Protein backbone atom coordinates (compact mmCIF):
# COMPACT_ATOMS: atom_id res chain seq x y z
CA UNK A 1 0.00 0.00 0.00
CA UNK A 2 2.84 2.35 0.84
CA UNK A 3 4.53 1.54 -2.46
CA UNK A 4 1.31 2.41 -4.31
CA UNK A 5 1.07 5.74 -2.46
CA UNK A 6 4.67 6.54 -3.34
CA UNK A 7 4.07 5.78 -7.01
CA UNK A 8 0.88 7.88 -7.05
CA UNK A 9 2.63 10.80 -5.31
CA UNK A 10 5.58 10.91 -7.70
CA UNK A 11 3.26 10.43 -10.69
CA UNK A 12 1.38 13.57 -9.67
CA UNK A 13 4.67 15.40 -9.06
CA UNK A 14 5.88 14.46 -12.54
CA UNK A 15 2.60 15.66 -14.07
CA UNK A 16 2.94 19.03 -12.29
CA UNK A 17 6.55 19.27 -13.41
CA UNK A 18 5.58 18.75 -17.07
CA UNK A 19 2.93 21.48 -16.84
CA UNK A 20 5.74 23.96 -16.25
CA UNK A 21 7.51 22.66 -19.38
CA UNK A 22 4.67 23.51 -21.78
CA UNK A 23 6.98 25.12 -24.36
CA UNK A 24 9.29 22.08 -24.37
CA UNK A 25 6.24 19.83 -24.72
CA UNK A 26 5.05 21.84 -27.72
CA UNK A 27 8.45 21.49 -29.37
CA UNK A 28 8.52 17.79 -28.52
CA UNK A 29 5.16 17.34 -30.25
CA UNK A 30 5.87 19.39 -33.39
CA UNK A 31 9.56 18.80 -34.13
CA UNK A 32 9.41 15.01 -34.77
CA UNK A 33 6.39 15.41 -37.04
CA UNK A 34 8.11 18.03 -39.20
CA UNK A 35 11.44 16.22 -39.39
CA UNK A 36 9.94 12.79 -40.05
CA UNK A 37 7.47 14.19 -42.56
CA UNK A 38 10.23 15.74 -44.67
CA UNK A 39 12.45 12.68 -44.39
CA UNK A 40 9.72 10.19 -45.27
CA UNK A 41 8.61 12.37 -48.17
CA UNK A 42 12.02 11.78 -49.74
CA UNK A 43 11.82 8.05 -48.99
CA UNK A 44 8.30 7.95 -50.45
CA UNK A 45 9.51 9.41 -53.74
CA UNK A 46 12.21 6.77 -53.87
CA UNK A 47 9.85 3.92 -52.99
CA UNK A 48 7.05 4.77 -55.43
CA UNK A 49 6.90 1.91 -57.92
CA UNK A 50 7.03 2.38 -61.67
CA UNK A 51 3.62 1.21 -62.88
CA UNK A 52 4.99 0.62 -66.39
CA UNK A 53 7.67 -1.81 -65.18
CA UNK A 54 6.92 -5.50 -64.70
CA UNK A 55 8.98 -8.27 -63.23
CA UNK A 56 9.86 -10.76 -65.95
CA UNK A 57 10.20 -14.43 -65.06
CA UNK A 58 11.59 -16.86 -67.61
CA UNK A 59 10.73 -20.56 -67.45
CA UNK A 60 13.33 -23.04 -68.64
CA UNK A 61 11.68 -26.42 -69.23
CA UNK A 62 14.37 -29.11 -69.26
CA UNK A 63 11.87 -31.86 -68.45
CA UNK A 64 9.93 -31.46 -71.70
CA UNK A 65 7.06 -33.73 -70.67
CA UNK A 66 3.38 -33.13 -71.22
CA UNK A 67 2.94 -32.30 -67.54
CA UNK A 68 5.69 -29.67 -67.48
CA UNK A 69 4.40 -28.12 -70.72
CA UNK A 70 0.87 -27.92 -69.30
CA UNK A 71 2.12 -26.35 -66.08
CA UNK A 72 4.16 -23.78 -68.02
CA UNK A 73 1.25 -22.90 -70.30
CA UNK A 74 -1.13 -22.48 -67.38
CA UNK A 75 1.30 -20.19 -65.56
CA UNK A 76 1.83 -18.08 -68.65
CA UNK A 77 -1.93 -17.77 -69.24
CA UNK A 78 -2.69 -16.98 -65.60
CA UNK A 79 0.02 -14.43 -64.89
CA UNK A 80 0.59 -12.58 -68.14
CA UNK A 81 -2.72 -10.77 -67.73
CA UNK A 82 -1.78 -9.08 -64.46
CA UNK A 83 0.33 -6.01 -63.78
CA UNK A 84 2.94 -7.70 -61.61
CA UNK A 85 4.79 -10.52 -63.34
CA UNK A 86 5.35 -11.25 -67.00
CA UNK A 87 6.30 -14.84 -67.88
CA UNK A 88 8.24 -16.02 -70.92
CA UNK A 89 9.41 -19.45 -72.03
CA UNK A 90 13.11 -19.64 -72.88
CA UNK A 91 15.91 -22.12 -73.30
CA UNK A 92 18.65 -22.30 -70.69
CA UNK A 93 21.08 -20.38 -72.90
CA UNK A 94 18.54 -17.66 -73.73
CA UNK A 95 17.68 -17.24 -70.06
CA UNK A 96 21.35 -16.88 -69.06
CA UNK A 97 21.93 -14.26 -71.75
CA UNK A 98 18.73 -12.37 -70.85
CA UNK A 99 19.57 -12.15 -67.14
CA UNK A 100 23.14 -11.10 -67.94
CA UNK A 101 21.73 -8.26 -70.05
CA UNK A 102 19.13 -7.47 -67.34
CA UNK A 103 16.27 -8.16 -69.73
CA UNK A 104 14.56 -10.45 -67.21
CA UNK A 105 14.29 -10.39 -63.43
CA UNK A 106 14.91 -14.10 -62.86
CA UNK A 107 14.43 -17.51 -64.38
CA UNK A 108 13.27 -20.82 -62.93
CA UNK A 109 14.29 -24.22 -64.22
CA UNK A 110 12.03 -27.25 -64.45
CA UNK A 111 14.76 -29.91 -64.07
CA UNK A 112 14.91 -33.07 -66.09
CA UNK A 113 12.98 -35.85 -64.39
CA UNK A 114 10.59 -33.42 -62.69
CA UNK A 115 7.49 -35.42 -63.62
CA UNK A 116 8.97 -38.72 -62.44
CA UNK A 117 9.94 -37.19 -59.12
CA UNK A 118 6.47 -35.69 -58.78
CA UNK A 119 4.68 -38.97 -59.39
CA UNK A 120 7.10 -40.80 -57.09
CA UNK A 121 6.25 -38.42 -54.24
CA UNK A 122 9.79 -37.08 -53.89
CA UNK A 123 10.43 -33.44 -52.89
CA UNK A 124 10.40 -31.06 -55.86
CA UNK A 125 13.14 -28.45 -56.24
CA UNK A 126 12.75 -25.59 -58.72
CA UNK A 127 16.13 -23.78 -59.03
CA UNK A 128 15.67 -20.01 -59.23
CA UNK A 129 18.34 -17.64 -60.57
CA UNK A 130 17.69 -13.93 -60.05
CA UNK A 131 19.17 -10.54 -60.79
CA UNK A 132 21.11 -9.41 -57.71
CA UNK A 133 20.10 -5.80 -58.38
CA UNK A 134 16.38 -6.58 -57.99
CA UNK A 135 15.93 -8.13 -54.51
CA UNK A 136 12.28 -7.08 -54.10
CA UNK A 137 11.13 -8.54 -57.41
CA UNK A 138 13.09 -11.73 -56.71
CA UNK A 139 11.46 -12.05 -53.29
CA UNK A 140 8.02 -11.76 -54.86
CA UNK A 141 8.83 -14.38 -57.49
CA UNK A 142 10.39 -16.69 -54.89
CA UNK A 143 7.22 -16.55 -52.79
CA UNK A 144 5.18 -17.31 -55.92
CA UNK A 145 7.28 -20.42 -56.54
CA UNK A 146 7.05 -21.47 -52.89
CA UNK A 147 3.27 -21.23 -53.12
CA UNK A 148 3.28 -23.23 -56.33
CA UNK A 149 5.52 -25.86 -54.70
CA UNK A 150 3.11 -26.21 -51.78
CA UNK A 151 0.25 -26.92 -54.16
CA UNK A 152 2.41 -29.42 -56.06
CA UNK A 153 3.01 -31.21 -52.76
CA UNK A 154 -0.75 -31.36 -52.27
CA UNK A 155 -1.10 -32.84 -55.75
CA UNK A 156 1.57 -35.41 -54.87
CA UNK A 157 -0.37 -36.41 -51.78
CA UNK A 158 -3.49 -36.99 -53.88
CA UNK A 159 -1.54 -38.97 -56.49
CA UNK A 160 0.05 -41.20 -53.85
CA UNK A 161 -3.34 -41.75 -52.23
CA UNK A 162 -4.73 -42.89 -55.59
CA UNK A 163 -1.69 -45.15 -55.99
CA UNK A 164 -2.35 -46.84 -52.65
CA UNK A 165 -5.95 -47.52 -53.60
CA UNK A 166 -4.95 -48.59 -57.12
CA UNK A 167 -2.70 -51.34 -55.71
CA UNK A 168 -5.75 -52.87 -54.08
CA UNK A 169 -7.71 -52.96 -57.34
CA UNK A 170 -7.21 -54.61 -60.70
CA UNK A 171 -6.46 -51.26 -62.40
CA UNK A 172 -4.06 -51.60 -65.32
CA UNK A 173 -0.77 -49.69 -65.42
CA UNK A 174 -1.93 -47.74 -68.48
CA UNK A 175 -5.14 -46.69 -66.76
CA UNK A 176 -3.23 -45.73 -63.61
CA UNK A 177 -0.79 -43.54 -65.57
CA UNK A 178 -3.72 -41.86 -67.30
CA UNK A 179 -5.37 -41.24 -63.93
CA UNK A 180 -2.13 -39.74 -62.60
CA UNK A 181 -2.01 -37.27 -65.47
CA UNK A 182 -5.68 -36.33 -65.01
CA UNK A 183 -5.16 -35.64 -61.30
CA UNK A 184 -2.09 -33.56 -62.03
CA UNK A 185 -3.86 -31.46 -64.66
CA UNK A 186 -6.91 -30.94 -62.43
CA UNK A 187 -4.70 -29.81 -59.57
CA UNK A 188 -2.62 -27.58 -61.82
CA UNK A 189 -5.77 -25.80 -63.05
CA UNK A 190 -7.04 -25.56 -59.47
CA UNK A 191 -3.70 -24.16 -58.31
CA UNK A 192 -3.41 -21.45 -60.92
CA UNK A 193 -7.04 -20.39 -60.81
CA UNK A 194 -7.66 -20.50 -57.05
CA UNK A 195 -8.51 -17.05 -55.69
CA UNK A 196 -6.26 -15.12 -58.02
CA UNK A 197 -3.13 -17.18 -57.43
CA UNK A 198 -0.69 -14.30 -57.66
CA UNK A 199 -2.60 -11.96 -55.39
CA UNK A 200 -3.20 -14.56 -52.71
CA UNK A 201 0.16 -16.29 -52.59
CA UNK A 202 2.91 -13.79 -53.31
CA UNK A 203 4.58 -11.50 -50.83
CA UNK A 204 2.85 -8.18 -50.58
CA UNK A 205 5.22 -5.27 -50.07
CA UNK A 206 2.90 -2.71 -48.52
CA UNK A 207 5.59 -0.05 -48.73
CA UNK A 208 5.29 -0.06 -52.53
CA UNK A 209 1.69 -1.19 -52.99
CA UNK A 210 0.33 1.35 -50.46
CA UNK A 211 3.24 3.74 -49.92
CA UNK A 212 1.24 6.70 -48.62
CA UNK A 213 -0.59 4.64 -46.03
CA UNK A 214 2.51 2.66 -45.09
CA UNK A 215 4.59 5.75 -44.41
CA UNK A 216 1.74 7.48 -42.64
CA UNK A 217 1.73 4.57 -40.19
CA UNK A 218 5.53 4.74 -40.11
CA UNK A 219 5.32 8.39 -39.12
CA UNK A 220 3.01 7.50 -36.24
CA UNK A 221 5.30 4.67 -35.13
CA UNK A 222 8.49 6.76 -35.30
CA UNK A 223 6.82 9.66 -33.49
CA UNK A 224 5.69 7.22 -30.80
CA UNK A 225 9.30 6.12 -30.24
CA UNK A 226 10.67 9.67 -30.21
CA UNK A 227 7.94 10.88 -27.85
CA UNK A 228 8.71 8.03 -25.45
CA UNK A 229 12.36 9.07 -25.40
CA UNK A 230 11.51 12.78 -25.22
CA UNK A 231 9.06 12.51 -22.33
CA UNK A 232 11.40 10.22 -20.41
CA UNK A 233 14.32 12.62 -20.83
CA UNK A 234 12.20 15.62 -19.81
CA UNK A 235 11.32 13.87 -16.55
CA UNK A 236 14.90 13.00 -15.73
CA UNK A 237 16.37 14.89 -12.80
CA UNK A 238 19.85 14.69 -11.38
CA UNK A 239 19.19 14.05 -7.71
CA UNK A 240 21.94 14.81 -5.20
CA UNK A 241 23.26 12.02 -3.01
CA UNK A 242 21.61 13.53 0.08
CA UNK A 243 18.19 13.61 -1.64
CA UNK A 244 18.61 9.97 -2.69
CA UNK A 245 19.42 8.99 0.88
CA UNK A 246 16.36 10.82 2.21
CA UNK A 247 14.11 9.14 -0.33
CA UNK A 248 15.42 5.74 0.72
CA UNK A 249 14.75 6.59 4.37
CA UNK A 250 11.11 7.25 3.44
CA UNK A 251 10.93 3.86 1.71
CA UNK A 252 11.05 5.18 -1.87
CA UNK A 253 12.79 2.75 -4.23
CA UNK A 254 14.33 3.14 -7.67
CA UNK A 255 11.58 0.97 -9.14
CA UNK A 256 8.83 3.19 -7.67
CA UNK A 257 10.40 6.33 -9.12
CA UNK A 258 10.76 4.58 -12.47
CA UNK A 259 7.14 3.39 -12.53
CA UNK A 260 5.89 6.92 -11.77
CA UNK A 261 8.02 8.29 -14.60
CA UNK A 262 6.96 5.51 -16.97
CA UNK A 263 3.25 6.19 -16.34
CA UNK A 264 3.61 9.86 -17.26
CA UNK A 265 5.87 9.05 -20.23
CA UNK A 266 3.44 6.55 -21.74
CA UNK A 267 0.40 8.73 -20.95
CA UNK A 268 1.99 11.76 -22.60
CA UNK A 269 2.93 9.69 -25.64
CA UNK A 270 -0.62 8.31 -25.95
CA UNK A 271 -2.06 11.84 -25.81
CA UNK A 272 0.27 13.07 -28.57
CA UNK A 273 -0.36 9.93 -30.63
CA UNK A 274 -4.13 10.31 -30.34
CA UNK A 275 -3.98 13.93 -31.51
CA UNK A 276 -1.71 13.13 -34.47
CA UNK A 277 -3.72 10.08 -35.51
CA UNK A 278 -7.00 12.01 -35.33
CA UNK A 279 -5.59 14.63 -37.68
CA UNK A 280 -4.00 12.11 -40.07
CA UNK A 281 -7.08 9.92 -40.22
CA UNK A 282 -9.02 12.79 -41.76
CA UNK A 283 -6.89 12.09 -44.80
CA UNK A 284 -6.25 8.34 -44.37
CA UNK A 285 -9.92 7.50 -43.68
CA UNK A 286 -9.04 4.11 -42.19
CA UNK A 287 -12.21 2.12 -41.53
CA UNK A 288 -11.26 0.34 -38.32
CA UNK A 289 -13.58 -1.31 -35.83
CA UNK A 290 -13.40 -0.65 -32.06
CA UNK A 291 -11.82 -4.10 -31.64
CA UNK A 292 -9.07 -3.10 -34.10
CA UNK A 293 -8.35 0.01 -32.06
CA UNK A 294 -8.15 -2.10 -28.92
CA UNK A 295 -5.64 -4.43 -30.58
CA UNK A 296 -3.57 -1.49 -31.81
CA UNK A 297 -3.65 0.14 -28.37
CA UNK A 298 -2.49 -3.09 -26.75
CA UNK A 299 0.45 -3.41 -29.14
CA UNK A 300 1.39 0.23 -28.59
CA UNK A 301 1.29 -0.26 -24.80
CA UNK A 302 3.38 -3.44 -24.93
CA UNK A 303 5.88 -1.76 -27.23
CA UNK A 304 6.00 1.32 -25.01
CA UNK A 305 6.68 -0.71 -21.88
CA UNK A 306 9.56 -2.48 -23.62
CA UNK A 307 11.10 0.81 -24.79
CA UNK A 308 10.68 2.56 -21.43
CA UNK A 309 12.19 -0.40 -19.56
CA UNK A 310 15.23 -0.28 -21.84
CA UNK A 311 15.48 3.45 -21.15
CA UNK A 312 15.38 2.66 -17.45
CA UNK A 313 18.19 0.13 -17.92
CA UNK A 314 20.30 2.78 -19.66
CA UNK A 315 19.66 5.16 -16.78
CA UNK A 316 20.90 2.55 -14.31
CA UNK A 317 24.04 1.52 -16.19
CA UNK A 318 25.22 4.93 -17.45
CA UNK A 319 27.54 6.94 -15.26
CA UNK A 320 27.34 10.40 -16.82
CA UNK A 321 24.61 12.54 -18.36
CA UNK A 322 26.43 12.71 -21.71
CA UNK A 323 26.77 8.94 -21.91
CA UNK A 324 23.10 8.56 -20.99
CA UNK A 325 22.06 10.98 -23.72
CA UNK A 326 24.18 9.17 -26.31
CA UNK A 327 22.77 5.78 -25.34
CA UNK A 328 19.20 7.12 -25.53
CA UNK A 329 19.82 8.37 -29.07
CA UNK A 330 21.41 5.07 -30.09
CA UNK A 331 18.50 3.10 -28.58
CA UNK A 332 15.92 5.25 -30.36
CA UNK A 333 17.69 4.98 -33.73
CA UNK A 334 18.20 1.23 -33.31
CA UNK A 335 14.57 0.57 -32.39
CA UNK A 336 13.28 2.62 -35.33
CA UNK A 337 15.72 1.00 -37.76
CA UNK A 338 14.97 -2.55 -36.64
CA UNK A 339 11.22 -2.04 -36.85
CA UNK A 340 11.25 -1.41 -40.61
CA UNK A 341 9.37 1.86 -40.23
CA UNK A 342 11.93 3.82 -42.26
CA UNK A 343 13.26 1.14 -44.60
CA UNK A 344 11.11 -2.00 -44.99
CA UNK A 345 12.92 -5.09 -43.73
CA UNK A 346 12.47 -6.78 -47.10
CA UNK A 347 15.40 -4.63 -48.27
CA UNK A 348 17.67 -6.09 -45.58
CA UNK A 349 19.91 -9.14 -46.17
CA UNK A 350 18.09 -12.45 -45.80
CA UNK A 351 20.08 -13.49 -42.73
CA UNK A 352 19.32 -10.21 -40.97
CA UNK A 353 15.63 -10.53 -41.81
CA UNK A 354 15.51 -13.84 -39.93
CA UNK A 355 17.08 -12.23 -36.86
CA UNK A 356 14.63 -9.32 -36.92
CA UNK A 357 11.72 -11.73 -36.55
CA UNK A 358 12.65 -12.10 -32.88
CA UNK A 359 12.82 -8.38 -32.03
CA UNK A 360 9.96 -6.52 -30.39
CA UNK A 361 10.14 -3.37 -32.62
CA UNK A 362 9.71 -5.48 -35.75
CA UNK A 363 6.94 -7.52 -34.15
CA UNK A 364 5.04 -4.44 -32.99
CA UNK A 365 5.31 -2.51 -36.27
CA UNK A 366 4.42 -5.57 -38.36
CA UNK A 367 1.25 -6.18 -36.37
CA UNK A 368 0.31 -2.49 -36.50
CA UNK A 369 0.59 -2.57 -40.30
CA UNK A 370 -1.30 -5.86 -40.56
CA UNK A 371 -4.18 -4.67 -38.39
CA UNK A 372 -4.43 -1.13 -39.77
CA UNK A 373 -3.77 -1.75 -43.48
CA UNK A 374 -4.16 -5.48 -44.15
CA UNK A 375 -7.50 -5.92 -42.35
CA UNK A 376 -6.06 -8.63 -40.12
CA UNK A 377 -8.90 -9.83 -37.89
CA UNK A 378 -6.75 -11.53 -35.26
CA UNK A 379 -3.56 -10.79 -33.34
CA UNK A 380 -0.86 -12.78 -31.56
CA UNK A 381 0.56 -11.10 -28.46
CA UNK A 382 2.82 -13.94 -27.30
CA UNK A 383 6.11 -12.52 -28.60
CA UNK A 384 5.36 -9.00 -27.38
CA UNK A 385 4.36 -10.26 -23.93
CA UNK A 386 7.57 -12.29 -23.76
CA UNK A 387 9.62 -9.24 -24.77
CA UNK A 388 7.86 -7.10 -22.18
CA UNK A 389 8.46 -9.70 -19.48
CA UNK A 390 12.17 -9.90 -20.34
CA UNK A 391 12.47 -6.09 -20.32
CA UNK A 392 10.74 -5.78 -16.93
CA UNK A 393 12.82 -8.59 -15.38
CA UNK A 394 16.04 -7.06 -16.73
CA UNK A 395 15.22 -3.65 -15.28
CA UNK A 396 14.00 -5.16 -12.00
CA UNK A 397 17.21 -7.12 -11.47
CA UNK A 398 19.39 -4.09 -12.23
CA UNK A 399 17.28 -1.90 -9.95
CA UNK A 400 17.63 -4.39 -7.07
CA UNK A 401 21.38 -4.59 -7.65
CA UNK A 402 21.63 -0.79 -7.65
CA UNK A 403 19.56 -0.56 -4.44
CA UNK A 404 21.89 -2.97 -2.66
CA UNK A 405 24.97 -1.07 -3.76
CA UNK A 406 23.57 2.22 -2.45
CA UNK A 407 22.81 0.82 1.00
């Protein structure tokens, strides 16, 4: 009960202190918006896709069976009518020359023996060679091929099921082979035609497909991070050793002071975020349900707790004000960079992309984009809750260690 009273008292003191800093608060609210707006405007111009340019995928059919020809024809018919990928059939030599001259984005090879491997139920590998200067287009094509491979595996499962039943009947080998081909063709048509194959099963780079909306959400996310750092730094006070000793005598702990500061920091950030979002949504016109807003709020709160706890850790481990300031700036820049708010993570090296999957800034920003722009009707908070728990435990342990050293 005493701890709660201490937290409430210092929370009110922090609120009164901020009221005296109204000019600093005004600058804190306006400056990030102006700076980020100008910066993201430049990024937006760079990221805008060229509507006249298509990704060109060449298909090299080394198998030359009826099945591979049918699959190639169906892909060409299905995808050449869209504005994303253009497909051409080439020989291996033509494809190598075309990619060397940057006439195509990438080419995929149907290896010799593909049909036999498919009917035997063995894993299918489709080698893909891409232009190193076009990572985004290659990623989209790679996801298309992965989706196609998953449907091929489903076709294999059906073919093997038929084979098991055929062994128990008096079906002739000729009839069985004919049935195999029919199943493959049916599944190929189903695969290519199902729910606009390209739209449903390729990676969607929201930064280029919806750049204005993506970078509007990026602005909100970056401002959230900067406001968290700004409010926390405004509330920082260099207490003398005698004041610290008196506070300890009254039972005030480092954790209680931190919680009071964190409450005001997160509350101030939420107020600024609400004002900015209300203004921006007049232009964005996002049609979100109350449940969507609740999900977004929860992700923002979890993200904010993680950031503020890391700021608290920096405060505990830094020895001078200059070092603390430098570490706050590094933390803010690192969190924003890792999240993909400035530069989408799809532009990062593949190995780094895998590492980012386990970071809370990436997790938070990805879910914010999915809920706000992709109409995602569910959310998974497990990773964010785990990150928050780790952040709180880390700060708590350091705070206890610091308390013991000061005694």
